[in-house]
Amino acid sequence: MNDERVRIGARIRELRESAGMTQNQLAEKSRLLASNIDRIEKGKYSPDLDILSCIAAVFGKKVDFI
């Protein structure tokens, strides 16, 4: 498994949990599928820049913060 993918997934999970959000809520707010959020957080999916931008925007962050 790619270490960077795992790091990014863990960071997204950390941000989501800190915001008190479920994966479903993050998916709804970012207009992504909940299954994709789950795969990203587990490091099983390599999100592209557009997906990362959608997720970062939910938290009021830039992609470089993730």
C-alpha atoms as a PDB file:
ATOM      1  CA  MET A   1       0.000   0.000   0.000  1.00  0.00           C
ATOM      2  CA  ASN A   2       1.228   3.478  -0.830  1.00  0.00           C
ATOM      3  CA  ASP A   3       2.391   5.327   2.311  1.00  0.00           C
ATOM      4  CA  GLU A   4       1.321   8.723   0.949  1.00  0.00           C
ATOM      5  CA  ARG A   5      -2.180   7.419   0.189  1.00  0.00           C
ATOM      6  CA  VAL A   6      -2.433   6.105   3.739  1.00  0.00           C
ATOM      7  CA  ARG A   7      -1.165   9.418   5.181  1.00  0.00           C
ATOM      8  CA  ILE A   8      -3.665  11.460   3.187  1.00  0.00           C
ATOM      9  CA  GLY A   9      -6.524   9.130   4.117  1.00  0.00           C
ATOM     10  CA  ALA A  10      -5.615   9.358   7.796  1.00  0.00           C
ATOM     11  CA  ARG A  11      -5.456  13.154   7.581  1.00  0.00           C
ATOM     12  CA  ILE A  12      -8.896  13.323   5.990  1.00  0.00           C
ATOM     13  CA  ARG A  13     -10.310  11.011   8.666  1.00  0.00           C
ATOM     14  CA  GLU A  14      -8.704  13.197  11.352  1.00  0.00           C
ATOM     15  CA  LEU A  15     -10.255  16.348   9.889  1.00  0.00           C
ATOM     16  CA  ARG A  16     -13.647  14.674   9.538  1.00  0.00           C
ATOM     17  CA  GLU A  17     -13.674  13.317  13.082  1.00  0.00           C
ATOM     18  CA  SER A  18     -12.470  16.651  14.494  1.00  0.00           C
ATOM     19  CA  ALA A  19     -15.433  18.281  12.764  1.00  0.00           C
ATOM     20  CA  GLY A  20     -17.785  15.697  14.304  1.00  0.00           C
ATOM     21  CA  MET A  21     -18.814  14.454  10.873  1.00  0.00           C
ATOM     22  CA  THR A  22     -19.688  10.989   9.680  1.00  0.00           C
ATOM     23  CA  GLN A  23     -18.393   9.657   6.382  1.00  0.00           C
ATOM     24  CA  ASN A  24     -21.906  10.046   4.991  1.00  0.00           C
ATOM     25  CA  GLN A  25     -22.024  13.706   6.004  1.00  0.00           C
ATOM     26  CA  LEU A  26     -18.631  14.385   4.437  1.00  0.00           C
ATOM     27  CA  ALA A  27     -19.716  12.591   1.288  1.00  0.00           C
ATOM     28  CA  GLU A  28     -22.882  14.685   1.059  1.00  0.00           C
ATOM     29  CA  LYS A  29     -21.071  17.973   1.647  1.00  0.00           C
ATOM     30  CA  SER A  30     -18.272  17.149  -0.809  1.00  0.00           C
ATOM     31  CA  ARG A  31     -20.675  15.615  -3.360  1.00  0.00           C
ATOM     32  CA  LEU A  32     -18.772  12.340  -3.353  1.00  0.00           C
ATOM     33  CA  LEU A  33     -19.906   8.807  -2.677  1.00  0.00           C
ATOM     34  CA  ALA A  34     -19.634   7.629   0.931  1.00  0.00           C
ATOM     35  CA  SER A  35     -17.960   4.456  -0.340  1.00  0.00           C
ATOM     36  CA  ASN A  36     -15.229   6.596  -1.917  1.00  0.00           C
ATOM     37  CA  ILE A  37     -14.698   8.510   1.344  1.00  0.00           C
ATOM     38  CA  ASP A  38     -14.306   5.169   3.119  1.00  0.00           C
ATOM     39  CA  ARG A  39     -11.801   3.897   0.549  1.00  0.00           C
ATOM     40  CA  ILE A  40      -9.830   7.159   0.666  1.00  0.00           C
ATOM     41  CA  GLU A  41      -9.638   7.099   4.464  1.00  0.00           C
ATOM     42  CA  LYS A  42      -8.442   3.483   4.406  1.00  0.00           C
ATOM     43  CA  GLY A  43      -5.724   4.319   1.870  1.00  0.00           C
ATOM     44  CA  LYS A  44      -7.257   2.017  -0.725  1.00  0.00           C
ATOM     45  CA  TYR A  45      -8.057   4.732  -3.251  1.00  0.00           C
ATOM     46  CA  SER A  46      -5.810   7.369  -4.717  1.00  0.00           C
ATOM     47  CA  PRO A  47      -7.933  10.528  -5.033  1.00  0.00           C
ATOM     48  CA  ASP A  48      -7.137  13.018  -7.757  1.00  0.00           C
ATOM     49  CA  LEU A  49      -6.692  16.735  -7.192  1.00  0.00           C
ATOM     50  CA  ASP A  50     -10.351  17.535  -7.929  1.00  0.00           C
ATOM     51  CA  ILE A  51     -11.555  15.099  -5.267  1.00  0.00           C
ATOM     52  CA  LEU A  52      -9.036  16.385  -2.731  1.00  0.00           C
ATOM     53  CA  SER A  53     -10.144  19.951  -3.499  1.00  0.00           C
ATOM     54  CA  CYS A  54     -13.791  19.043  -2.848  1.00  0.00           C
ATOM     55  CA  ILE A  55     -12.907  17.455   0.479  1.00  0.00           C
ATOM     56  CA  ALA A  56     -10.580  20.297   1.526  1.00  0.00           C
ATOM     57  CA  ALA A  57     -13.274  22.879   0.719  1.00  0.00           C
ATOM     58  CA  VAL A  58     -15.669  21.226   3.176  1.00  0.00           C
ATOM     59  CA  PHE A  59     -13.158  21.962   5.937  1.00  0.00           C
ATOM     60  CA  GLY A  60     -12.253  25.437   4.665  1.00  0.00           C
ATOM     61  CA  LYS A  61      -8.736  24.239   3.845  1.00  0.00           C
ATOM     62  CA  LYS A  62      -6.477  24.182   0.824  1.00  0.00           C
ATOM     63  CA  VAL A  63      -5.240  20.908  -0.609  1.00  0.00           C
ATOM     64  CA  ASP A  64      -1.708  21.620   0.616  1.00  0.00           C
ATOM     65  CA  PHE A  65      -3.027  21.453   4.197  1.00  0.00           C
ATOM     66  CA  ILE A  66      -4.099  17.835   3.732  1.00  0.00           C
END
